[in-house]
Amino acid sequence: MSNSVHVQSIAALEDLKAGLQRFSAHAEEFLAAATRDIARMEDWLAERVRFWQSEERRCRAAVQQAAYALQVCQSRVYYDPQTGRSYRPNCDQEMYALRAAQRRLAEVEESLRVAMRYQRVFADAVLTFRTEAQRLHQWDSVEMTRATAFLERKLNSLRAYAGVGVGFAGGVGGLATGLGASQAVESMSSPSSGISNSPLQGASPFAAVPIAEIDLSDSYVHSPDDFHKISHAEMVAGIRTLEAVVRPAVEQGKDADYFSDLDAQQGLSDSQGYRRIYDAFYGQDAITLERAGNGYQVLNGFHRLYIARELGITSLPARVI
């Protein structure tokens, strides 16, 4: 049995892994966008129901007022002493006003029924969507993470066999595997000693810090319900974009201007672009940690660290003081 392997290209697996990460990021972005649209529609429908309820109360009061005015008019009987006869006043104007108020009330009641019906229909549709969206999110969080982790392990093994280091992403041909390649795999798989805080290329104030070495015992983020300023789904999408696009580019020396140009080329807005992700992890509001013995204490970034652990990400860029 041959003890060699013929590797033609590692780039194909790199492309597959990057494609899976892009799909995952786009799926989370879609879910976040859909969630925002749903919230806006729910607010609008609720506002319409409140508006027509208010109109109904106002129209009912107008009907009561018009009916009272008609009653007062009809009660005014005029007595003619010369003829000895009693006369009732002309109340046509009050009658017309009452009928107009009643028609308006009927129109408002119908509009209220329609608004409430659409509110119920939309609520049923949203329930169905959220059920399916939760399934997609769970699949993306679990299965996609497993798939990318599996590809990363295989890529690491191939890089080690090729003897070109973890940063290699090109193709090699006809490389024999022997004792040296086996030792490379073994050394790459062995646990690292000490705390990893080597600066990232192109972002010297930051370090790639292992999540396992960060003390999260005092975190106030325990579930997706603890996300308020930025939703849980939006932050998941942001960190997936960080891993798929932003972080690899930063490690190659790209800076903020690069991502601004990339957003402009792709027509991305400030709220949806890569520059926003760059600023969140390499700007003033970056994750900030303090060295404490053999680990780190969190000064800023509990939400992002919660998402990283949820997605199985082993390290994140952080400012260490």
C-alpha atoms as a PDB file:
ATOM      1  CA  MET A   1       0.000   0.000   0.000  1.00  0.00           C
ATOM      2  CA  SER A   2       1.405   3.379  -0.987  1.00  0.00           C
ATOM      3  CA  ASN A   3       2.425   5.753   1.818  1.00  0.00           C
ATOM      4  CA  SER A   4       2.132   8.889  -0.327  1.00  0.00           C
ATOM      5  CA  VAL A   5      -0.717  11.211  -1.258  1.00  0.00           C
ATOM      6  CA  HIS A   6      -1.093  13.194  -4.465  1.00  0.00           C
ATOM      7  CA  VAL A   7      -2.530  16.627  -3.598  1.00  0.00           C
ATOM      8  CA  GLN A   8      -3.435  18.722  -6.645  1.00  0.00           C
ATOM      9  CA  SER A   9      -4.992  21.825  -5.059  1.00  0.00           C
ATOM     10  CA  ILE A  10      -5.864  23.012  -1.578  1.00  0.00           C
ATOM     11  CA  ALA A  11      -7.446  26.157  -3.027  1.00  0.00           C
ATOM     12  CA  ALA A  12     -10.597  24.254  -4.025  1.00  0.00           C
ATOM     13  CA  LEU A  13     -11.274  23.318  -0.409  1.00  0.00           C
ATOM     14  CA  GLU A  14     -10.433  26.875   0.664  1.00  0.00           C
ATOM     15  CA  ASP A  15     -13.000  28.163  -1.840  1.00  0.00           C
ATOM     16  CA  LEU A  16     -15.603  25.688  -0.605  1.00  0.00           C
ATOM     17  CA  LYS A  17     -15.058  26.708   3.010  1.00  0.00           C
ATOM     18  CA  ALA A  18     -15.233  30.403   2.112  1.00  0.00           C
ATOM     19  CA  GLY A  19     -18.397  29.774   0.085  1.00  0.00           C
ATOM     20  CA  LEU A  20     -20.065  28.029   3.019  1.00  0.00           C
ATOM     21  CA  GLN A  21     -19.137  30.901   5.306  1.00  0.00           C
ATOM     22  CA  ARG A  22     -20.486  33.454   2.835  1.00  0.00           C
ATOM     23  CA  PHE A  23     -23.744  31.507   2.524  1.00  0.00           C
ATOM     24  CA  SER A  24     -24.026  31.346   6.300  1.00  0.00           C
ATOM     25  CA  ALA A  25     -23.387  35.084   6.663  1.00  0.00           C
ATOM     26  CA  HIS A  26     -25.907  35.924   3.933  1.00  0.00           C
ATOM     27  CA  ALA A  27     -28.526  33.623   5.467  1.00  0.00           C
ATOM     28  CA  GLU A  28     -28.171  35.330   8.835  1.00  0.00           C
ATOM     29  CA  GLU A  29     -28.273  38.743   7.164  1.00  0.00           C
ATOM     30  CA  PHE A  30     -31.493  37.739   5.390  1.00  0.00           C
ATOM     31  CA  LEU A  31     -33.057  36.544   8.634  1.00  0.00           C
ATOM     32  CA  ALA A  32     -32.050  39.772  10.368  1.00  0.00           C
ATOM     33  CA  ALA A  33     -33.466  41.885   7.525  1.00  0.00           C
ATOM     34  CA  ALA A  34     -36.702  39.870   7.467  1.00  0.00           C
ATOM     35  CA  THR A  35     -37.026  40.232  11.233  1.00  0.00           C
ATOM     36  CA  ARG A  36     -36.660  44.001  10.934  1.00  0.00           C
ATOM     37  CA  ASP A  37     -39.279  44.135   8.153  1.00  0.00           C
ATOM     38  CA  ILE A  38     -41.672  42.014  10.199  1.00  0.00           C
ATOM     39  CA  ALA A  39     -41.248  44.262  13.223  1.00  0.00           C
ATOM     40  CA  ARG A  40     -41.972  47.335  11.102  1.00  0.00           C
ATOM     41  CA  MET A  41     -45.112  45.738   9.631  1.00  0.00           C
ATOM     42  CA  GLU A  42     -46.317  44.604  13.062  1.00  0.00           C
ATOM     43  CA  ASP A  43     -45.847  48.147  14.384  1.00  0.00           C
ATOM     44  CA  TRP A  44     -47.679  49.609  11.376  1.00  0.00           C
ATOM     45  CA  LEU A  45     -50.631  47.231  11.685  1.00  0.00           C
ATOM     46  CA  ALA A  46     -50.856  47.869  15.415  1.00  0.00           C
ATOM     47  CA  GLU A  47     -50.810  51.612  14.723  1.00  0.00           C
ATOM     48  CA  ARG A  48     -53.611  51.207  12.150  1.00  0.00           C
ATOM     49  CA  VAL A  49     -55.750  49.248  14.618  1.00  0.00           C
ATOM     50  CA  ARG A  50     -55.179  51.894  17.301  1.00  0.00           C
ATOM     51  CA  PHE A  51     -56.032  54.649  14.796  1.00  0.00           C
ATOM     52  CA  TRP A  52     -59.336  53.070  13.721  1.00  0.00           C
ATOM     53  CA  GLN A  53     -60.260  52.271  17.314  1.00  0.00           C
ATOM     54  CA  SER A  54     -59.747  55.932  18.140  1.00  0.00           C
ATOM     55  CA  GLU A  55     -61.791  56.929  15.081  1.00  0.00           C
ATOM     56  CA  GLU A  56     -64.568  54.542  16.129  1.00  0.00           C
ATOM     57  CA  ARG A  57     -64.783  56.140  19.576  1.00  0.00           C
ATOM     58  CA  ARG A  58     -64.858  59.594  18.038  1.00  0.00           C
ATOM     59  CA  CYS A  59     -67.561  58.633  15.506  1.00  0.00           C
ATOM     60  CA  ARG A  60     -69.714  57.008  18.182  1.00  0.00           C
ATOM     61  CA  ALA A  61     -69.532  60.210  20.167  1.00  0.00           C
ATOM     62  CA  ALA A  62     -70.476  62.182  17.036  1.00  0.00           C
ATOM     63  CA  VAL A  63     -73.499  59.906  16.466  1.00  0.00           C
ATOM     64  CA  GLN A  64     -74.624  60.359  20.062  1.00  0.00           C
ATOM     65  CA  GLN A  65     -74.209  64.121  19.789  1.00  0.00           C
ATOM     66  CA  ALA A  66     -76.172  64.270  16.504  1.00  0.00           C
ATOM     67  CA  ALA A  67     -78.951  62.073  17.931  1.00  0.00           C
ATOM     68  CA  TYR A  68     -79.203  64.330  20.975  1.00  0.00           C
ATOM     69  CA  ALA A  69     -79.363  67.438  18.746  1.00  0.00           C
ATOM     70  CA  LEU A  70     -82.219  65.853  16.760  1.00  0.00           C
ATOM     71  CA  GLN A  71     -84.040  64.921  19.961  1.00  0.00           C
ATOM     72  CA  VAL A  72     -83.736  68.483  21.282  1.00  0.00           C
ATOM     73  CA  CYS A  73     -84.997  69.901  17.969  1.00  0.00           C
ATOM     74  CA  GLN A  74     -87.985  67.573  17.896  1.00  0.00           C
ATOM     75  CA  SER A  75     -88.890  68.430  21.475  1.00  0.00           C
ATOM     76  CA  ARG A  76     -89.251  72.134  20.694  1.00  0.00           C
ATOM     77  CA  VAL A  77     -93.040  72.449  20.054  1.00  0.00           C
ATOM     78  CA  TYR A  78     -94.308  75.918  19.049  1.00  0.00           C
ATOM     79  CA  TYR A  79     -97.816  76.938  20.216  1.00  0.00           C
ATOM     80  CA  ASP A  80     -99.731  79.549  18.136  1.00  0.00           C
ATOM     81  CA  PRO A  81    -102.162  81.356  20.449  1.00  0.00           C
ATOM     82  CA  GLN A  82    -104.119  82.824  17.539  1.00  0.00           C
ATOM     83  CA  THR A  83    -104.982  79.484  16.006  1.00  0.00           C
ATOM     84  CA  GLY A  84    -104.636  77.407  19.130  1.00  0.00           C
ATOM     85  CA  ARG A  85    -102.517  74.889  17.279  1.00  0.00           C
ATOM     86  CA  SER A  86     -99.085  73.442  18.101  1.00  0.00           C
ATOM     87  CA  TYR A  87     -96.309  73.235  15.505  1.00  0.00           C
ATOM     88  CA  ARG A  88     -93.120  71.180  15.462  1.00  0.00           C
ATOM     89  CA  PRO A  89     -89.931  72.854  14.094  1.00  0.00           C
ATOM     90  CA  ASN A  90     -88.189  71.698  10.880  1.00  0.00           C
ATOM     91  CA  CYS A  91     -85.446  69.279  12.013  1.00  0.00           C
ATOM     92  CA  ASP A  92     -84.241  68.166   8.567  1.00  0.00           C
ATOM     93  CA  GLN A  93     -80.739  69.575   9.122  1.00  0.00           C
ATOM     94  CA  GLU A  94     -80.327  67.629  12.383  1.00  0.00           C
ATOM     95  CA  MET A  95     -81.678  64.491  10.701  1.00  0.00           C
ATOM     96  CA  TYR A  96     -79.145  64.777   7.843  1.00  0.00           C
ATOM     97  CA  ALA A  97     -76.312  65.332  10.344  1.00  0.00           C
ATOM     98  CA  LEU A  98     -77.306  62.198  12.272  1.00  0.00           C
ATOM     99  CA  ARG A  99     -77.452  60.063   9.129  1.00  0.00           C
ATOM    100  CA  ALA A 100     -74.018  61.356   7.974  1.00  0.00           C
ATOM    101  CA  ALA A 101     -72.519  60.548  11.386  1.00  0.00           C
ATOM    102  CA  GLN A 102     -74.021  57.038  11.252  1.00  0.00           C
ATOM    103  CA  ARG A 103     -72.589  56.437   7.745  1.00  0.00           C
ATOM    104  CA  ARG A 104     -69.153  57.584   8.883  1.00  0.00           C
ATOM    105  CA  LEU A 105     -69.334  55.286  11.912  1.00  0.00           C
ATOM    106  CA  ALA A 106     -70.214  52.321   9.664  1.00  0.00           C
ATOM    107  CA  GLU A 107     -67.221  53.073   7.393  1.00  0.00           C
ATOM    108  CA  VAL A 108     -64.843  53.318  10.352  1.00  0.00           C
ATOM    109  CA  GLU A 109     -66.163  50.084  11.871  1.00  0.00           C
ATOM    110  CA  GLU A 110     -65.511  48.285   8.578  1.00  0.00           C
ATOM    111  CA  SER A 111     -61.996  49.733   8.365  1.00  0.00           C
ATOM    112  CA  LEU A 112     -61.333  48.568  11.929  1.00  0.00           C
ATOM    113  CA  ARG A 113     -62.566  45.047  11.109  1.00  0.00           C
ATOM    114  CA  VAL A 114     -60.294  44.917   8.057  1.00  0.00           C
ATOM    115  CA  ALA A 115     -57.239  46.145  10.033  1.00  0.00           C
ATOM    116  CA  MET A 116     -57.834  43.616  12.802  1.00  0.00           C
ATOM    117  CA  ARG A 117     -58.355  40.819  10.277  1.00  0.00           C
ATOM    118  CA  TYR A 118     -55.077  41.594   8.517  1.00  0.00           C
ATOM    119  CA  GLN A 119     -53.346  41.836  11.877  1.00  0.00           C
ATOM    120  CA  ARG A 120     -54.494  38.281  12.694  1.00  0.00           C
ATOM    121  CA  VAL A 121     -53.559  36.956   9.234  1.00  0.00           C
ATOM    122  CA  PHE A 122     -50.128  38.557   9.452  1.00  0.00           C
ATOM    123  CA  ALA A 123     -49.582  37.190  12.961  1.00  0.00           C
ATOM    124  CA  ASP A 124     -50.321  33.656  11.705  1.00  0.00           C
ATOM    125  CA  ALA A 125     -47.897  34.120   8.792  1.00  0.00           C
ATOM    126  CA  VAL A 126     -45.209  35.489  11.117  1.00  0.00           C
ATOM    127  CA  LEU A 127     -45.600  32.486  13.426  1.00  0.00           C
ATOM    128  CA  THR A 128     -44.997  30.156  10.479  1.00  0.00           C
ATOM    129  CA  PHE A 129     -42.006  32.206   9.322  1.00  0.00           C
ATOM    130  CA  ARG A 130     -40.435  32.308  12.782  1.00  0.00           C
ATOM    131  CA  THR A 131     -40.774  28.558  13.141  1.00  0.00           C
ATOM    132  CA  GLU A 132     -38.962  27.982   9.844  1.00  0.00           C
ATOM    133  CA  ALA A 133     -36.461  30.774  10.540  1.00  0.00           C
ATOM    134  CA  GLN A 134     -35.593  29.169  13.876  1.00  0.00           C
ATOM    135  CA  ARG A 135     -34.977  25.869  12.094  1.00  0.00           C
ATOM    136  CA  LEU A 136     -32.717  27.598   9.573  1.00  0.00           C
ATOM    137  CA  HIS A 137     -30.885  29.441  12.353  1.00  0.00           C
ATOM    138  CA  GLN A 138     -30.342  26.223  14.303  1.00  0.00           C
ATOM    139  CA  TRP A 139     -29.125  24.461  11.173  1.00  0.00           C
ATOM    140  CA  ASP A 140     -26.809  27.352  10.373  1.00  0.00           C
ATOM    141  CA  SER A 141     -25.502  27.551  13.935  1.00  0.00           C
ATOM    142  CA  VAL A 142     -24.912  23.821  14.350  1.00  0.00           C
ATOM    143  CA  GLU A 143     -24.568  22.032  11.014  1.00  0.00           C
ATOM    144  CA  MET A 144     -22.803  24.832   9.153  1.00  0.00           C
ATOM    145  CA  THR A 145     -20.374  25.325  12.030  1.00  0.00           C
ATOM    146  CA  ARG A 146     -19.642  21.600  12.028  1.00  0.00           C
ATOM    147  CA  ALA A 147     -19.132  21.621   8.256  1.00  0.00           C
ATOM    148  CA  THR A 148     -16.698  24.541   8.294  1.00  0.00           C
ATOM    149  CA  ALA A 149     -14.848  23.075  11.278  1.00  0.00           C
ATOM    150  CA  PHE A 150     -14.571  19.742   9.447  1.00  0.00           C
ATOM    151  CA  LEU A 151     -13.183  21.473   6.341  1.00  0.00           C
ATOM    152  CA  GLU A 152     -10.748  23.460   8.457  1.00  0.00           C
ATOM    153  CA  ARG A 153      -9.425  20.269  10.064  1.00  0.00           C
ATOM    154  CA  LYS A 154      -8.942  18.662   6.669  1.00  0.00           C
ATOM    155  CA  LEU A 155      -7.266  21.778   5.311  1.00  0.00           C
ATOM    156  CA  ASN A 156      -4.905  21.876   8.271  1.00  0.00           C
ATOM    157  CA  SER A 157      -3.988  18.250   7.680  1.00  0.00           C
ATOM    158  CA  LEU A 158      -3.341  18.868   3.962  1.00  0.00           C
ATOM    159  CA  ARG A 159      -1.269  21.969   4.704  1.00  0.00           C
ATOM    160  CA  ALA A 160       0.772  20.046   7.198  1.00  0.00           C
ATOM    161  CA  TYR A 161       1.296  17.181   4.760  1.00  0.00           C
ATOM    162  CA  ALA A 162       2.362  19.668   2.138  1.00  0.00           C
ATOM    163  CA  GLY A 163       4.813  21.085   4.636  1.00  0.00           C
ATOM    164  CA  VAL A 164       3.946  24.662   3.751  1.00  0.00           C
ATOM    165  CA  GLY A 165       2.380  25.860   6.972  1.00  0.00           C
ATOM    166  CA  VAL A 166      -1.136  26.857   7.982  1.00  0.00           C
ATOM    167  CA  GLY A 167      -1.145  29.973   5.823  1.00  0.00           C
ATOM    168  CA  PHE A 168      -0.820  28.063   2.533  1.00  0.00           C
ATOM    169  CA  ALA A 169      -3.846  28.309   0.198  1.00  0.00           C
ATOM    170  CA  GLY A 170      -2.475  27.266  -3.173  1.00  0.00           C
ATOM    171  CA  GLY A 171      -1.944  23.995  -4.986  1.00  0.00           C
ATOM    172  CA  VAL A 172       0.792  21.395  -4.763  1.00  0.00           C
ATOM    173  CA  GLY A 173       1.329  18.242  -6.784  1.00  0.00           C
ATOM    174  CA  GLY A 174       2.748  14.804  -6.070  1.00  0.00           C
ATOM    175  CA  LEU A 175       3.983  15.453  -2.518  1.00  0.00           C
ATOM    176  CA  ALA A 176       5.083  12.280  -0.732  1.00  0.00           C
ATOM    177  CA  THR A 177       4.089  11.934   2.905  1.00  0.00           C
ATOM    178  CA  GLY A 178       6.734  10.524   5.197  1.00  0.00           C
ATOM    179  CA  LEU A 179       7.960  10.903   8.747  1.00  0.00           C
ATOM    180  CA  GLY A 180       8.396  14.659   8.420  1.00  0.00           C
ATOM    181  CA  ALA A 181       4.791  15.185   7.300  1.00  0.00           C
ATOM    182  CA  SER A 182       3.490  13.017  10.120  1.00  0.00           C
ATOM    183  CA  GLN A 183       5.520  15.014  12.618  1.00  0.00           C
ATOM    184  CA  ALA A 184       4.134  18.218  11.127  1.00  0.00           C
ATOM    185  CA  VAL A 185       0.571  17.012  11.676  1.00  0.00           C
ATOM    186  CA  GLU A 186       1.391  15.932  15.214  1.00  0.00           C
ATOM    187  CA  SER A 187       3.095  19.202  16.104  1.00  0.00           C
ATOM    188  CA  MET A 188       0.248  21.208  14.632  1.00  0.00           C
ATOM    189  CA  SER A 189      -2.312  19.222  16.653  1.00  0.00           C
ATOM    190  CA  SER A 190      -0.433  19.522  19.946  1.00  0.00           C
ATOM    191  CA  PRO A 191      -1.804  22.064  22.461  1.00  0.00           C
ATOM    192  CA  SER A 192      -0.081  25.414  22.552  1.00  0.00           C
ATOM    193  CA  SER A 193       1.653  26.434  25.749  1.00  0.00           C
ATOM    194  CA  GLY A 194       0.949  29.818  27.266  1.00  0.00           C
ATOM    195  CA  ILE A 195      -1.568  32.488  26.242  1.00  0.00           C
ATOM    196  CA  SER A 196      -1.863  33.458  22.612  1.00  0.00           C
ATOM    197  CA  ASN A 197      -1.666  37.210  22.235  1.00  0.00           C
ATOM    198  CA  SER A 198       0.350  37.685  19.087  1.00  0.00           C
ATOM    199  CA  PRO A 199      -0.704  40.850  17.232  1.00  0.00           C
ATOM    200  CA  LEU A 200      -2.729  40.497  14.060  1.00  0.00           C
ATOM    201  CA  GLN A 201      -1.030  41.636  10.901  1.00  0.00           C
ATOM    202  CA  GLY A 202      -2.254  45.098   9.922  1.00  0.00           C
ATOM    203  CA  ALA A 203      -3.920  45.669  13.322  1.00  0.00           C
ATOM    204  CA  SER A 204      -1.080  45.858  15.842  1.00  0.00           C
ATOM    205  CA  PRO A 205      -3.126  46.964  18.896  1.00  0.00           C
ATOM    206  CA  PHE A 206      -5.140  43.742  18.656  1.00  0.00           C
ATOM    207  CA  ALA A 207      -4.526  40.092  19.435  1.00  0.00           C
ATOM    208  CA  ALA A 208      -6.263  36.879  18.404  1.00  0.00           C
ATOM    209  CA  VAL A 209      -7.373  35.771  21.867  1.00  0.00           C
ATOM    210  CA  PRO A 210      -8.639  32.214  22.504  1.00  0.00           C
ATOM    211  CA  ILE A 211     -12.224  32.289  23.819  1.00  0.00           C
ATOM    212  CA  ALA A 212     -11.414  29.491  26.261  1.00  0.00           C
ATOM    213  CA  GLU A 213      -8.927  31.742  28.065  1.00  0.00           C
ATOM    214  CA  ILE A 214     -11.435  34.545  28.675  1.00  0.00           C
ATOM    215  CA  ASP A 215     -13.261  34.671  32.015  1.00  0.00           C
ATOM    216  CA  LEU A 216     -16.992  34.991  31.254  1.00  0.00           C
ATOM    217  CA  SER A 217     -18.243  34.148  34.741  1.00  0.00           C
ATOM    218  CA  ASP A 218     -19.508  37.697  35.322  1.00  0.00           C
ATOM    219  CA  SER A 219     -21.177  38.047  31.910  1.00  0.00           C
ATOM    220  CA  TYR A 220     -24.682  39.499  31.913  1.00  0.00           C
ATOM    221  CA  VAL A 221     -25.475  37.884  28.529  1.00  0.00           C
ATOM    222  CA  HIS A 222     -27.080  34.483  29.023  1.00  0.00           C
ATOM    223  CA  SER A 223     -29.577  34.079  26.146  1.00  0.00           C
ATOM    224  CA  PRO A 224     -30.733  35.733  22.886  1.00  0.00           C
ATOM    225  CA  ASP A 225     -33.244  37.699  24.994  1.00  0.00           C
ATOM    226  CA  ASP A 226     -30.335  39.719  26.401  1.00  0.00           C
ATOM    227  CA  PHE A 227     -29.685  41.360  23.013  1.00  0.00           C
ATOM    228  CA  HIS A 228     -31.384  44.750  22.754  1.00  0.00           C
ATOM    229  CA  LYS A 229     -29.381  47.447  20.966  1.00  0.00           C
ATOM    230  CA  ILE A 230     -28.426  44.973  18.220  1.00  0.00           C
ATOM    231  CA  SER A 231     -30.501  41.841  17.758  1.00  0.00           C
ATOM    232  CA  HIS A 232     -29.093  38.364  18.288  1.00  0.00           C
ATOM    233  CA  ALA A 233     -29.630  37.487  14.599  1.00  0.00           C
ATOM    234  CA  GLU A 234     -27.865  40.663  13.414  1.00  0.00           C
ATOM    235  CA  MET A 235     -24.868  39.984  15.626  1.00  0.00           C
ATOM    236  CA  VAL A 236     -24.648  36.366  14.437  1.00  0.00           C
ATOM    237  CA  ALA A 237     -24.618  37.633  10.859  1.00  0.00           C
ATOM    238  CA  GLY A 238     -21.948  40.201  11.731  1.00  0.00           C
ATOM    239  CA  ILE A 239     -19.586  37.680  13.312  1.00  0.00           C
ATOM    240  CA  ARG A 240     -20.034  35.272  10.417  1.00  0.00           C
ATOM    241  CA  THR A 241     -19.117  38.118   8.056  1.00  0.00           C
ATOM    242  CA  LEU A 242     -16.114  38.852  10.269  1.00  0.00           C
ATOM    243  CA  GLU A 243     -14.914  35.252   9.978  1.00  0.00           C
ATOM    244  CA  ALA A 244     -15.694  34.863   6.276  1.00  0.00           C
ATOM    245  CA  VAL A 245     -14.455  38.179   4.881  1.00  0.00           C
ATOM    246  CA  VAL A 246     -13.160  40.812   7.288  1.00  0.00           C
ATOM    247  CA  ARG A 247     -10.774  38.889   9.514  1.00  0.00           C
ATOM    248  CA  PRO A 248      -8.926  37.081   6.698  1.00  0.00           C
ATOM    249  CA  ALA A 249      -8.448  40.411   4.911  1.00  0.00           C
ATOM    250  CA  VAL A 250      -7.149  42.125   8.063  1.00  0.00           C
ATOM    251  CA  GLU A 251      -4.674  39.309   8.601  1.00  0.00           C
ATOM    252  CA  GLN A 252      -3.406  40.063   5.087  1.00  0.00           C
ATOM    253  CA  GLY A 253      -2.803  43.710   6.028  1.00  0.00           C
ATOM    254  CA  LYS A 254      -6.053  45.336   4.868  1.00  0.00           C
ATOM    255  CA  ASP A 255      -7.260  48.431   6.746  1.00  0.00           C
ATOM    256  CA  ALA A 256     -10.449  50.467   7.159  1.00  0.00           C
ATOM    257  CA  ASP A 257     -10.108  52.175   3.788  1.00  0.00           C
ATOM    258  CA  TYR A 258     -10.039  48.806   2.046  1.00  0.00           C
ATOM    259  CA  PHE A 259     -13.446  47.884   3.474  1.00  0.00           C
ATOM    260  CA  SER A 260     -14.882  51.317   2.690  1.00  0.00           C
ATOM    261  CA  ASP A 261     -13.806  50.843  -0.924  1.00  0.00           C
ATOM    262  CA  LEU A 262     -15.235  47.320  -0.925  1.00  0.00           C
ATOM    263  CA  ASP A 263     -18.597  48.622   0.318  1.00  0.00           C
ATOM    264  CA  ALA A 264     -18.609  51.309  -2.374  1.00  0.00           C
ATOM    265  CA  GLN A 265     -17.809  48.767  -5.103  1.00  0.00           C
ATOM    266  CA  GLN A 266     -20.618  46.456  -3.983  1.00  0.00           C
ATOM    267  CA  GLY A 267     -23.107  49.246  -3.293  1.00  0.00           C
ATOM    268  CA  LEU A 268     -23.467  48.350   0.392  1.00  0.00           C
ATOM    269  CA  SER A 269     -24.894  50.870   2.837  1.00  0.00           C
ATOM    270  CA  ASP A 270     -23.141  51.874   6.064  1.00  0.00           C
ATOM    271  CA  SER A 271     -25.439  49.629   8.088  1.00  0.00           C
ATOM    272  CA  GLN A 272     -24.875  46.580   5.862  1.00  0.00           C
ATOM    273  CA  GLY A 273     -21.278  47.006   4.752  1.00  0.00           C
ATOM    274  CA  TYR A 274     -18.013  45.371   5.687  1.00  0.00           C
ATOM    275  CA  ARG A 275     -16.631  48.633   7.123  1.00  0.00           C
ATOM    276  CA  ARG A 276     -19.220  48.438   9.897  1.00  0.00           C
ATOM    277  CA  ILE A 277     -17.954  44.971  10.860  1.00  0.00           C
ATOM    278  CA  TYR A 278     -14.341  46.162  10.703  1.00  0.00           C
ATOM    279  CA  ASP A 279     -15.095  49.102  13.012  1.00  0.00           C
ATOM    280  CA  ALA A 280     -16.938  46.842  15.461  1.00  0.00           C
ATOM    281  CA  PHE A 281     -13.920  44.548  15.914  1.00  0.00           C
ATOM    282  CA  TYR A 282     -10.943  46.765  15.078  1.00  0.00           C
ATOM    283  CA  GLY A 283     -12.256  50.226  15.991  1.00  0.00           C
ATOM    284  CA  GLN A 284     -12.902  52.181  19.172  1.00  0.00           C
ATOM    285  CA  ASP A 285     -15.679  49.824  20.307  1.00  0.00           C
ATOM    286  CA  ALA A 286     -13.630  46.649  19.814  1.00  0.00           C
ATOM    287  CA  ILE A 287     -13.692  43.814  22.313  1.00  0.00           C
ATOM    288  CA  THR A 288     -11.450  44.978  25.149  1.00  0.00           C
ATOM    289  CA  LEU A 289      -9.773  42.578  27.580  1.00  0.00           C
ATOM    290  CA  GLU A 290      -7.482  42.920  30.569  1.00  0.00           C
ATOM    291  CA  ARG A 291      -4.758  40.425  31.354  1.00  0.00           C
ATOM    292  CA  ALA A 292      -5.493  38.654  34.636  1.00  0.00           C
ATOM    293  CA  GLY A 293      -3.037  35.931  35.605  1.00  0.00           C
ATOM    294  CA  ASN A 294      -3.166  33.227  32.960  1.00  0.00           C
ATOM    295  CA  GLY A 295      -6.358  34.528  31.398  1.00  0.00           C
ATOM    296  CA  TYR A 296      -8.351  37.636  30.538  1.00  0.00           C
ATOM    297  CA  GLN A 297     -11.093  39.728  32.110  1.00  0.00           C
ATOM    298  CA  VAL A 298     -13.713  41.342  29.854  1.00  0.00           C
ATOM    299  CA  LEU A 299     -13.997  45.112  29.843  1.00  0.00           C
ATOM    300  CA  ASN A 300     -16.177  45.339  26.737  1.00  0.00           C
ATOM    301  CA  GLY A 301     -17.695  42.762  24.375  1.00  0.00           C
ATOM    302  CA  PHE A 302     -19.821  40.236  26.307  1.00  0.00           C
ATOM    303  CA  HIS A 303     -22.435  40.034  23.528  1.00  0.00           C
ATOM    304  CA  ARG A 304     -19.874  39.279  20.814  1.00  0.00           C
ATOM    305  CA  LEU A 305     -18.147  36.709  22.986  1.00  0.00           C
ATOM    306  CA  TYR A 306     -21.483  35.009  23.697  1.00  0.00           C
ATOM    307  CA  ILE A 307     -22.121  34.668  19.948  1.00  0.00           C
ATOM    308  CA  ALA A 308     -18.588  33.380  19.339  1.00  0.00           C
ATOM    309  CA  ARG A 309     -19.050  30.596  21.897  1.00  0.00           C
ATOM    310  CA  GLU A 310     -22.479  29.806  20.460  1.00  0.00           C
ATOM    311  CA  LEU A 311     -21.032  29.434  16.959  1.00  0.00           C
ATOM    312  CA  GLY A 312     -18.035  27.406  18.110  1.00  0.00           C
ATOM    313  CA  ILE A 313     -15.498  30.073  17.150  1.00  0.00           C
ATOM    314  CA  THR A 314     -12.294  29.503  19.072  1.00  0.00           C
ATOM    315  CA  SER A 315     -10.793  33.013  19.022  1.00  0.00           C
ATOM    316  CA  LEU A 316     -11.683  36.608  18.289  1.00  0.00           C
ATOM    317  CA  PRO A 317      -9.623  39.757  17.718  1.00  0.00           C
ATOM    318  CA  ALA A 318      -9.505  41.911  20.840  1.00  0.00           C
ATOM    319  CA  ARG A 319      -7.666  44.863  22.316  1.00  0.00           C
ATOM    320  CA  VAL A 320      -5.636  43.609  25.295  1.00  0.00           C
ATOM    321  CA  ILE A 321      -4.536  45.988  28.053  1.00  0.00           C
END
